[in-house]
Amino acid sequence: MDETALRNEIRSMLVETLMLPIPAGEITDERPLFGPEGLGLDSVDALQLVVALDKKYGVKVTDREVATRVLGSVSAMARAVAEKASGPAA
């Protein structure tokens, strides 16, 4: 899967999994997912994302450090999925 398709798939996953009230196309690659300047996701949303990433892509978010790196943006999630697909664990 190419990078653009992967990012689009992750955007759709965000909207569907979290039942976001915005279209996937409005979520930019670098937009923060958490905090007031981003999508405003919370800890419950983070847990749902962790489960979705594991089920769909096999990406394991095992601790806070990994969560900070992987769950920051669409781009960060796409990098983690690509890393998982190419060998090293996320």
N, C-alpha and C. Protein backbone atom coordinates (compact mmCIF):
# COMPACT_ATOMS: atom_id res chain seq x y z
N MET A 1 0.86 -1.18 0.00
CA MET A 1 0.00 0.00 0.00
C MET A 1 0.90 1.23 0.00
N ASP A 2 0.59 2.19 -0.87
CA ASP A 2 1.43 3.38 -0.90
C ASP A 2 1.10 4.30 0.28
N GLU A 3 1.97 5.25 0.51
CA GLU A 3 1.87 6.11 1.70
C GLU A 3 0.59 6.94 1.71
N THR A 4 0.21 7.47 0.56
CA THR A 4 -1.01 8.28 0.49
C THR A 4 -2.24 7.44 0.81
N ALA A 5 -2.31 6.24 0.26
CA ALA A 5 -3.44 5.35 0.53
C ALA A 5 -3.48 4.97 2.00
N LEU A 6 -2.31 4.71 2.59
CA LEU A 6 -2.25 4.36 4.00
C LEU A 6 -2.76 5.51 4.87
N ARG A 7 -2.32 6.72 4.57
CA ARG A 7 -2.78 7.87 5.36
C ARG A 7 -4.28 8.08 5.22
N ASN A 8 -4.81 7.89 4.03
CA ASN A 8 -6.26 8.01 3.82
C ASN A 8 -7.01 6.93 4.60
N GLU A 9 -6.46 5.72 4.61
CA GLU A 9 -7.08 4.63 5.37
C GLU A 9 -7.07 4.93 6.87
N ILE A 10 -5.97 5.50 7.36
CA ILE A 10 -5.88 5.85 8.78
C ILE A 10 -6.87 6.96 9.12
N ARG A 11 -7.02 7.95 8.25
CA ARG A 11 -8.01 9.00 8.49
C ARG A 11 -9.41 8.40 8.61
N SER A 12 -9.74 7.51 7.69
CA SER A 12 -11.06 6.86 7.72
C SER A 12 -11.23 6.04 9.00
N MET A 13 -10.17 5.35 9.41
CA MET A 13 -10.22 4.58 10.65
C MET A 13 -10.49 5.49 11.84
N LEU A 14 -9.84 6.65 11.87
CA LEU A 14 -10.07 7.61 12.96
C LEU A 14 -11.53 8.02 13.04
N VAL A 15 -12.09 8.41 11.90
CA VAL A 15 -13.47 8.89 11.87
C VAL A 15 -14.44 7.77 12.26
N GLU A 16 -14.23 6.57 11.72
CA GLU A 16 -15.13 5.46 12.00
C GLU A 16 -14.99 4.96 13.44
N THR A 17 -13.76 4.75 13.88
CA THR A 17 -13.52 4.18 15.21
C THR A 17 -13.98 5.13 16.31
N LEU A 18 -13.71 6.41 16.13
CA LEU A 18 -14.00 7.40 17.18
C LEU A 18 -15.31 8.14 16.94
N MET A 19 -16.00 7.79 15.84
CA MET A 19 -17.25 8.45 15.48
C MET A 19 -17.09 9.97 15.50
N LEU A 20 -16.05 10.44 14.81
CA LEU A 20 -15.78 11.88 14.76
C LEU A 20 -16.82 12.59 13.90
N PRO A 21 -17.16 13.81 14.30
CA PRO A 21 -18.18 14.56 13.55
C PRO A 21 -17.63 15.33 12.36
N ILE A 22 -16.42 14.99 11.91
CA ILE A 22 -15.84 15.67 10.75
C ILE A 22 -15.48 14.64 9.70
N PRO A 23 -15.47 15.05 8.43
CA PRO A 23 -15.08 14.11 7.37
C PRO A 23 -13.59 13.80 7.45
N ALA A 24 -13.23 12.61 7.01
CA ALA A 24 -11.83 12.19 7.04
C ALA A 24 -10.94 13.15 6.26
N GLY A 25 -11.45 13.72 5.19
CA GLY A 25 -10.67 14.64 4.36
C GLY A 25 -10.26 15.92 5.05
N GLU A 26 -10.89 16.25 6.15
CA GLU A 26 -10.54 17.46 6.89
C GLU A 26 -9.42 17.24 7.91
N ILE A 27 -9.00 16.00 8.07
CA ILE A 27 -7.92 15.70 9.01
C ILE A 27 -6.61 15.71 8.21
N THR A 28 -5.77 16.70 8.49
CA THR A 28 -4.51 16.80 7.76
C THR A 28 -3.47 15.85 8.37
N ASP A 29 -2.44 15.57 7.60
CA ASP A 29 -1.42 14.60 8.02
C ASP A 29 -0.73 14.97 9.32
N GLU A 30 -0.46 16.24 9.53
CA GLU A 30 0.31 16.67 10.70
C GLU A 30 -0.55 17.26 11.82
N ARG A 31 -1.84 17.30 11.64
CA ARG A 31 -2.73 17.86 12.67
C ARG A 31 -2.63 17.03 13.95
N PRO A 32 -2.34 17.68 15.07
CA PRO A 32 -2.29 16.93 16.33
C PRO A 32 -3.64 16.27 16.61
N LEU A 33 -3.59 15.07 17.15
CA LEU A 33 -4.84 14.38 17.46
C LEU A 33 -5.37 14.76 18.84
N PHE A 34 -4.46 15.13 19.73
CA PHE A 34 -4.85 15.45 21.11
C PHE A 34 -4.60 16.93 21.39
N GLY A 35 -5.38 17.47 22.30
CA GLY A 35 -5.20 18.86 22.69
C GLY A 35 -6.13 19.79 21.94
N PRO A 36 -6.26 21.01 22.46
CA PRO A 36 -7.21 21.97 21.90
C PRO A 36 -6.87 22.44 20.49
N GLU A 37 -5.58 22.43 20.12
CA GLU A 37 -5.21 22.87 18.78
C GLU A 37 -5.38 21.75 17.74
N GLY A 38 -5.67 20.55 18.21
CA GLY A 38 -5.84 19.41 17.30
C GLY A 38 -7.28 18.97 17.24
N LEU A 39 -7.47 17.67 17.17
CA LEU A 39 -8.83 17.11 17.13
C LEU A 39 -9.48 17.07 18.49
N GLY A 40 -8.69 17.28 19.55
CA GLY A 40 -9.25 17.29 20.90
C GLY A 40 -9.58 15.91 21.45
N LEU A 41 -8.87 14.89 20.99
CA LEU A 41 -9.13 13.54 21.49
C LEU A 41 -8.72 13.43 22.95
N ASP A 42 -9.29 12.44 23.65
CA ASP A 42 -8.99 12.25 25.07
C ASP A 42 -8.45 10.84 25.31
N SER A 43 -8.28 10.48 26.58
CA SER A 43 -7.68 9.19 26.92
C SER A 43 -8.52 8.00 26.47
N VAL A 44 -9.82 8.13 26.48
CA VAL A 44 -10.69 7.05 26.01
C VAL A 44 -10.48 6.86 24.50
N ASP A 45 -10.38 7.97 23.78
CA ASP A 45 -10.10 7.90 22.35
C ASP A 45 -8.75 7.23 22.10
N ALA A 46 -7.76 7.57 22.92
CA ALA A 46 -6.43 6.97 22.77
C ALA A 46 -6.50 5.46 22.92
N LEU A 47 -7.25 4.99 23.89
CA LEU A 47 -7.39 3.56 24.10
C LEU A 47 -8.05 2.90 22.88
N GLN A 48 -9.07 3.52 22.35
CA GLN A 48 -9.73 2.98 21.17
C GLN A 48 -8.78 2.93 19.97
N LEU A 49 -7.93 3.96 19.84
CA LEU A 49 -6.95 3.97 18.75
C LEU A 49 -5.91 2.87 18.92
N VAL A 50 -5.47 2.67 20.15
CA VAL A 50 -4.49 1.61 20.44
C VAL A 50 -5.05 0.25 20.01
N VAL A 51 -6.29 -0.01 20.36
CA VAL A 51 -6.93 -1.28 20.00
C VAL A 51 -7.09 -1.37 18.47
N ALA A 52 -7.53 -0.29 17.83
CA ALA A 52 -7.73 -0.30 16.38
C ALA A 52 -6.42 -0.52 15.63
N LEU A 53 -5.35 0.15 16.06
CA LEU A 53 -4.05 -0.02 15.41
C LEU A 53 -3.54 -1.45 15.54
N ASP A 54 -3.76 -2.03 16.69
CA ASP A 54 -3.32 -3.42 16.91
C ASP A 54 -4.13 -4.38 16.03
N LYS A 55 -5.45 -4.23 16.03
CA LYS A 55 -6.30 -5.14 15.25
C LYS A 55 -6.06 -5.01 13.75
N LYS A 56 -6.00 -3.80 13.27
CA LYS A 56 -5.93 -3.56 11.82
C LYS A 56 -4.53 -3.73 11.25
N TYR A 57 -3.51 -3.29 12.01
CA TYR A 57 -2.16 -3.25 11.46
C TYR A 57 -1.12 -4.04 12.28
N GLY A 58 -1.51 -4.54 13.44
CA GLY A 58 -0.56 -5.26 14.27
C GLY A 58 0.43 -4.37 14.99
N VAL A 59 0.14 -3.07 15.04
CA VAL A 59 1.02 -2.12 15.72
C VAL A 59 0.68 -2.15 17.21
N LYS A 60 1.69 -2.47 18.02
CA LYS A 60 1.51 -2.55 19.47
C LYS A 60 1.96 -1.24 20.11
N VAL A 61 1.08 -0.65 20.89
CA VAL A 61 1.42 0.54 21.67
C VAL A 61 1.53 0.06 23.11
N THR A 62 2.76 -0.13 23.56
CA THR A 62 3.01 -0.83 24.81
C THR A 62 3.23 0.07 26.01
N ASP A 63 3.55 1.33 25.79
CA ASP A 63 3.79 2.23 26.92
C ASP A 63 3.58 3.68 26.49
N ARG A 64 3.73 4.57 27.45
CA ARG A 64 3.48 5.99 27.20
C ARG A 64 4.42 6.57 26.14
N GLU A 65 5.68 6.15 26.16
CA GLU A 65 6.65 6.66 25.18
C GLU A 65 6.24 6.28 23.76
N VAL A 66 5.84 5.04 23.57
CA VAL A 66 5.40 4.58 22.26
C VAL A 66 4.11 5.31 21.88
N ALA A 67 3.21 5.47 22.81
CA ALA A 67 1.95 6.17 22.55
C ALA A 67 2.21 7.60 22.10
N THR A 68 3.12 8.28 22.76
CA THR A 68 3.44 9.66 22.40
C THR A 68 3.99 9.73 20.98
N ARG A 69 4.81 8.77 20.61
CA ARG A 69 5.41 8.75 19.28
C ARG A 69 4.40 8.36 18.20
N VAL A 70 3.57 7.37 18.49
CA VAL A 70 2.69 6.79 17.47
C VAL A 70 1.37 7.54 17.32
N LEU A 71 0.81 8.03 18.40
CA LEU A 71 -0.55 8.59 18.36
C LEU A 71 -0.60 10.10 18.17
N GLY A 72 0.48 10.71 17.74
CA GLY A 72 0.52 12.16 17.63
C GLY A 72 -0.25 12.74 16.46
N SER A 73 -0.25 12.04 15.33
CA SER A 73 -0.87 12.56 14.11
C SER A 73 -1.09 11.40 13.14
N VAL A 74 -1.75 11.70 12.05
CA VAL A 74 -1.93 10.70 10.99
C VAL A 74 -0.57 10.27 10.46
N SER A 75 0.33 11.23 10.27
CA SER A 75 1.67 10.91 9.77
C SER A 75 2.40 9.97 10.72
N ALA A 76 2.30 10.23 12.02
CA ALA A 76 2.98 9.40 13.01
C ALA A 76 2.44 7.97 12.98
N MET A 77 1.14 7.83 12.87
CA MET A 77 0.55 6.49 12.80
C MET A 77 0.98 5.78 11.52
N ALA A 78 1.01 6.51 10.40
CA ALA A 78 1.43 5.91 9.14
C ALA A 78 2.88 5.44 9.21
N ARG A 79 3.75 6.23 9.85
CA ARG A 79 5.15 5.82 10.02
C ARG A 79 5.24 4.53 10.83
N ALA A 80 4.46 4.44 11.91
CA ALA A 80 4.47 3.25 12.75
C ALA A 80 3.99 2.02 11.98
N VAL A 81 2.96 2.19 11.18
CA VAL A 81 2.44 1.07 10.38
C VAL A 81 3.48 0.65 9.35
N ALA A 82 4.13 1.62 8.70
CA ALA A 82 5.15 1.32 7.70
C ALA A 82 6.34 0.61 8.34
N GLU A 83 6.75 1.07 9.53
CA GLU A 83 7.85 0.43 10.25
C GLU A 83 7.50 -1.02 10.59
N LYS A 84 6.27 -1.22 11.04
CA LYS A 84 5.81 -2.57 11.39
C LYS A 84 5.84 -3.47 10.16
N ALA A 85 5.39 -2.93 9.03
CA ALA A 85 5.34 -3.72 7.79
C ALA A 85 6.74 -4.05 7.27
N SER A 86 7.71 -3.17 7.56
CA SER A 86 9.06 -3.40 7.03
C SER A 86 9.96 -4.16 8.00
N GLY A 87 9.47 -4.45 9.19
CA GLY A 87 10.27 -5.26 10.09
C GLY A 87 10.23 -4.85 11.55
N PRO A 88 10.92 -3.77 11.95
CA PRO A 88 10.98 -3.43 13.38
C PRO A 88 9.60 -3.16 13.97
N ALA A 89 9.42 -3.56 15.20
CA ALA A 89 8.14 -3.34 15.89
C ALA A 89 7.98 -1.87 16.21
N ALA A 90 6.73 -1.40 16.19
CA ALA A 90 6.43 -0.01 16.55
C ALA A 90 6.47 0.07 18.00
